[in-house]
Amino acid sequence: MSFDMNQCKIGDLIVSRHGMILVYEGEIGVLNYPHRVRYPDGGKGSRCHDGFVYLSNRLDTDHDIIAFAKDYYSLFLTDGYFKSNFDL
């Protein structure tokens, strides 16, 4: 499983492997973890270029990125649902 974070644009909604929807906030210039994401509760996190939380020592509980939310949930939810759950 791998997701190319370089294809994200600021404000894109992305989904973790546990189904959580996060907001892509852009690149932050940190060598190994250059991509910033925001959780629904407002918390921030970073990701590697391949969407993983960690380069190594990965956990089953990690919210690794697997897809754009619009692609992953397009059969189940509408864009209005996504936008109403984030302070974009």
Protein backbone atom coordinates (compact mmCIF):
# COMPACT_ATOMS: atom_id res chain seq x y z
CA MET A 1 0.00 0.00 0.00
CA SER A 2 1.36 3.37 -1.01
CA PHE A 3 -0.08 6.76 -1.91
CA ASP A 4 1.89 9.51 -3.68
CA MET A 5 1.49 12.57 -1.45
CA ASN A 6 3.15 14.71 -4.14
CA GLN A 7 -0.09 14.64 -6.13
CA CYS A 8 -2.00 16.40 -3.31
CA LYS A 9 -2.99 20.06 -3.38
CA ILE A 10 -3.67 22.21 -0.34
CA GLY A 11 -7.22 21.55 0.87
CA ASP A 12 -7.53 18.09 -0.67
CA LEU A 13 -9.45 15.61 1.42
CA ILE A 14 -7.57 12.33 1.84
CA VAL A 15 -8.47 9.12 3.63
CA SER A 16 -6.42 6.98 5.99
CA ARG A 17 -6.41 3.19 5.93
CA HIS A 18 -8.76 3.29 8.93
CA GLY A 19 -11.30 5.42 7.06
CA MET A 20 -10.52 8.75 8.73
CA ILE A 21 -10.76 11.76 6.43
CA LEU A 22 -7.90 14.26 6.75
CA VAL A 23 -7.15 17.57 5.03
CA TYR A 24 -3.89 18.04 3.14
CA GLU A 25 -2.23 21.29 4.27
CA GLY A 26 0.85 21.32 2.04
CA GLU A 27 4.57 20.72 2.17
CA ILE A 28 6.49 21.84 5.23
CA GLY A 29 10.05 21.30 4.05
CA VAL A 30 11.06 18.63 6.56
CA LEU A 31 13.36 16.10 4.88
CA ASN A 32 11.73 12.74 5.78
CA TYR A 33 8.20 13.96 6.62
CA PRO A 34 7.52 16.85 4.23
CA HIS A 35 3.71 16.68 4.04
CA ARG A 36 1.39 18.26 6.65
CA VAL A 37 -2.11 16.90 7.26
CA ARG A 38 -4.91 17.99 9.60
CA TYR A 39 -7.15 15.61 11.53
CA PRO A 40 -10.90 16.18 12.04
CA ASP A 41 -10.25 17.32 15.63
CA GLY A 42 -7.86 20.03 14.37
CA GLY A 43 -4.68 18.14 15.27
CA LYS A 44 -1.77 18.21 12.83
CA GLY A 45 0.44 15.43 11.54
CA SER A 46 3.07 14.81 8.91
CA ARG A 47 3.55 12.13 6.29
CA CYS A 48 6.33 10.70 4.12
CA HIS A 49 6.08 11.08 0.34
CA ASP A 50 4.42 7.65 0.17
CA GLY A 51 1.67 8.55 2.68
CA PHE A 52 3.02 6.60 5.64
CA VAL A 53 3.16 8.05 9.16
CA TYR A 54 6.65 6.60 9.75
CA LEU A 55 9.53 5.56 7.50
CA SER A 56 10.00 2.42 9.62
CA ASN A 57 8.61 0.86 12.83
CA ARG A 58 5.09 1.17 11.45
CA LEU A 59 2.07 0.29 13.59
CA ASP A 60 -1.32 -1.16 12.64
CA THR A 61 -2.91 1.87 14.31
CA ASP A 62 -1.11 4.39 12.05
CA HIS A 63 -3.35 6.53 9.85
CA ASP A 64 -1.38 5.95 6.65
CA ILE A 65 -2.91 7.68 3.63
CA ILE A 66 -4.41 5.39 0.99
CA ALA A 67 -6.50 7.56 -1.37
CA PHE A 68 -8.21 10.83 -2.10
CA ALA A 69 -11.48 10.89 -0.16
CA LYS A 70 -13.49 11.84 -3.26
CA ASP A 71 -12.30 8.67 -4.99
CA TYR A 72 -12.54 6.35 -2.00
CA TYR A 73 -15.97 7.42 -0.74
CA SER A 74 -17.58 8.60 -3.98
CA LEU A 75 -20.15 5.79 -3.87
CA PHE A 76 -21.21 6.49 -0.29
CA LEU A 77 -21.00 10.19 0.55
CA THR A 78 -21.37 13.59 -1.08
CA ASP A 79 -18.94 16.49 -1.21
CA GLY A 80 -21.30 18.43 1.06
CA TYR A 81 -20.74 15.89 3.82
CA PHE A 82 -16.96 16.27 3.62
CA LYS A 83 -17.04 20.07 3.58
CA SER A 84 -19.42 20.30 6.51
CA ASN A 85 -17.09 18.26 8.71
CA PHE A 86 -13.99 20.43 8.28
CA ASP A 87 -13.27 24.06 8.88
CA LEU A 88 -11.87 24.68 5.41
